[in-house]
Amino acid sequence: MNKITILIGLFAALLAGCAPSSPVGLVDTSRIVANWSQYQGYQAQLMMQEQTIAQSHESTAQKQSDAQQLQVRYGRITQQLTAEVQNAAEQVAKQRGLKLVLTRQGVGYGGIDITPDVEKILNITERATPAPTST
């Protein structure tokens, strides 16, 4: 009977060791983009500036120069917003003991959806949107 108890104890220890010790968090970036007013504002500004450039009566060379400057600005804004989402996801990961956070896009199965927590940190009010995408 003593050997059985030891075997059961070893088996339980092995199973405990197989349990995931570092869950994966998932962030639905399309949901964040759809609901984040800061992102929406930047997007509207950039689109308006793009239309202004296209409709201007300036030379083609000047339009190309203006478009390049707009592209640089777009890159900086994208980096800033991406950093904000990453920082928020990192905060949530630390709070929840997650070792890895991925975007939901491209993950077919598994993970813990931390999108609502990230949205809370970013002060995003959820609008009526479809459920997170699974592709």
Protein backbone atom coordinates (compact mmCIF):
# COMPACT_ATOMS: atom_id res chain seq x y z
CA MET A 1 0.00 0.00 0.00
CA ASN A 2 2.91 2.31 0.72
CA LYS A 3 4.23 1.82 -2.86
CA ILE A 4 0.81 2.70 -4.28
CA THR A 5 0.70 5.91 -2.26
CA ILE A 6 4.16 6.85 -3.49
CA LEU A 7 3.22 6.07 -7.12
CA ILE A 8 0.03 8.15 -6.84
CA GLY A 9 2.05 11.00 -5.34
CA LEU A 10 4.62 10.83 -8.14
CA PHE A 11 1.89 10.68 -10.78
CA ALA A 12 0.15 13.72 -9.27
CA ALA A 13 3.45 15.60 -9.20
CA LEU A 14 4.07 14.78 -12.85
CA LEU A 15 0.61 15.96 -13.85
CA ALA A 16 1.08 19.17 -11.90
CA GLY A 17 4.34 19.73 -13.74
CA CYS A 18 2.56 19.31 -17.08
CA ALA A 19 0.00 21.99 -16.33
CA PRO A 20 0.66 25.23 -18.15
CA SER A 21 2.62 27.45 -15.80
CA SER A 22 2.68 30.41 -18.14
CA PRO A 23 -0.67 31.07 -19.77
CA VAL A 24 -0.79 33.04 -22.98
CA GLY A 25 -2.77 36.28 -23.13
CA LEU A 26 -4.50 37.37 -26.30
CA VAL A 27 -5.35 40.91 -27.42
CA ASP A 28 -7.88 41.50 -30.18
CA THR A 29 -6.25 44.43 -31.96
CA SER A 30 -9.09 44.83 -34.47
CA ARG A 31 -11.50 45.35 -31.55
CA ILE A 32 -9.14 47.91 -30.01
CA VAL A 33 -8.82 49.77 -33.33
CA ALA A 34 -12.60 49.75 -33.77
CA ASN A 35 -13.24 51.22 -30.31
CA TRP A 36 -10.23 53.44 -29.53
CA SER A 37 -11.19 57.08 -30.07
CA GLN A 38 -7.53 58.15 -30.04
CA TYR A 39 -6.79 55.82 -32.96
CA GLN A 40 -9.96 56.90 -34.77
CA GLY A 41 -8.99 60.56 -34.38
CA TYR A 42 -5.51 60.03 -35.80
CA GLN A 43 -6.91 57.97 -38.64
CA ALA A 44 -9.42 60.70 -39.54
CA GLN A 45 -6.69 63.38 -39.47
CA LEU A 46 -4.38 61.37 -41.68
CA MET A 47 -7.12 60.57 -44.19
CA MET A 48 -8.13 64.24 -44.33
CA GLN A 49 -4.52 65.29 -44.91
CA GLU A 50 -4.15 62.64 -47.62
CA GLN A 51 -7.24 63.97 -49.39
CA THR A 52 -5.95 67.54 -49.07
CA ILE A 53 -2.66 66.53 -50.70
CA ALA A 54 -4.43 64.68 -53.50
CA GLN A 55 -6.78 67.61 -54.22
CA SER A 56 -4.15 70.34 -53.98
CA HIS A 57 -3.07 72.27 -57.05
CA GLU A 58 0.61 71.85 -56.25
CA SER A 59 3.13 70.21 -58.52
CA THR A 60 3.44 66.44 -58.66
CA ALA A 61 6.86 66.69 -57.01
CA GLN A 62 5.42 68.73 -54.12
CA LYS A 63 2.53 66.29 -53.73
CA GLN A 64 5.01 63.42 -53.56
CA SER A 65 7.06 65.27 -50.94
CA ASP A 66 3.95 66.02 -48.89
CA ALA A 67 2.84 62.38 -49.18
CA GLN A 68 6.26 61.21 -47.97
CA GLN A 69 6.06 63.53 -44.96
CA LEU A 70 2.57 62.21 -44.23
CA GLN A 71 3.89 58.65 -44.46
CA VAL A 72 6.62 59.48 -41.91
CA ARG A 73 4.00 61.00 -39.60
CA TYR A 74 1.83 57.90 -40.03
CA GLY A 75 4.80 55.73 -39.04
CA ARG A 76 5.44 57.76 -35.89
CA ILE A 77 1.79 57.68 -34.87
CA THR A 78 1.63 53.93 -35.51
CA GLN A 79 4.72 53.37 -33.34
CA GLN A 80 3.24 55.52 -30.56
CA LEU A 81 -0.11 53.74 -30.56
CA THR A 82 1.52 50.32 -30.80
CA ALA A 83 3.72 51.17 -27.82
CA GLU A 84 0.66 52.22 -25.81
CA VAL A 85 -1.10 48.92 -26.55
CA GLN A 86 2.07 46.95 -25.75
CA ASN A 87 2.54 48.80 -22.45
CA ALA A 88 -1.08 48.17 -21.47
CA ALA A 89 -0.78 44.48 -22.43
CA GLU A 90 2.43 44.23 -20.39
CA GLN A 91 0.68 45.70 -17.34
CA VAL A 92 -2.16 43.20 -17.66
CA ALA A 93 0.28 40.33 -18.21
CA LYS A 94 2.16 41.22 -15.02
CA GLN A 95 -1.08 41.51 -13.05
CA ARG A 96 -2.33 38.14 -14.30
CA GLY A 97 0.98 36.29 -14.27
CA LEU A 98 1.08 35.79 -18.04
CA LYS A 99 4.41 35.07 -19.69
CA LEU A 100 3.36 35.75 -23.27
CA VAL A 101 0.83 38.01 -25.00
CA LEU A 102 -0.10 37.61 -28.66
CA THR A 103 -2.59 39.29 -30.93
CA ARG A 104 -5.76 37.26 -31.33
CA GLN A 105 -5.48 37.45 -35.11
CA GLY A 106 -3.73 34.29 -36.24
CA VAL A 107 -4.43 32.30 -33.06
CA GLY A 108 -6.96 29.60 -33.77
CA TYR A 109 -7.37 28.15 -30.30
CA GLY A 110 -6.49 28.76 -26.68
CA GLY A 111 -5.18 31.66 -24.69
CA ILE A 112 -6.80 34.09 -22.28
CA ASP A 113 -8.52 37.11 -23.84
CA ILE A 114 -7.12 40.16 -22.04
CA THR A 115 -8.57 42.69 -24.49
CA PRO A 116 -11.10 44.15 -22.00
CA ASP A 117 -8.32 44.75 -19.46
CA VAL A 118 -6.11 46.41 -22.08
CA GLU A 119 -9.06 48.56 -23.17
CA LYS A 120 -9.62 49.63 -19.57
CA ILE A 121 -6.00 50.81 -19.25
CA LEU A 122 -6.28 52.69 -22.55
CA ASN A 123 -9.62 54.24 -21.47
CA ILE A 124 -11.44 52.63 -24.38
CA THR A 125 -15.20 52.41 -24.15
CA GLU A 126 -16.41 49.41 -26.06
CA ARG A 127 -18.89 50.04 -28.80
CA ALA A 128 -21.24 47.42 -30.12
CA THR A 129 -18.82 45.30 -32.14
CA PRO A 130 -18.76 41.68 -33.17
CA ALA A 131 -17.09 39.09 -30.96
CA PRO A 132 -13.30 38.72 -31.26
CA THR A 133 -12.16 37.23 -34.53
CA SER A 134 -10.71 33.77 -34.43
CA THR A 135 -8.62 33.90 -37.60
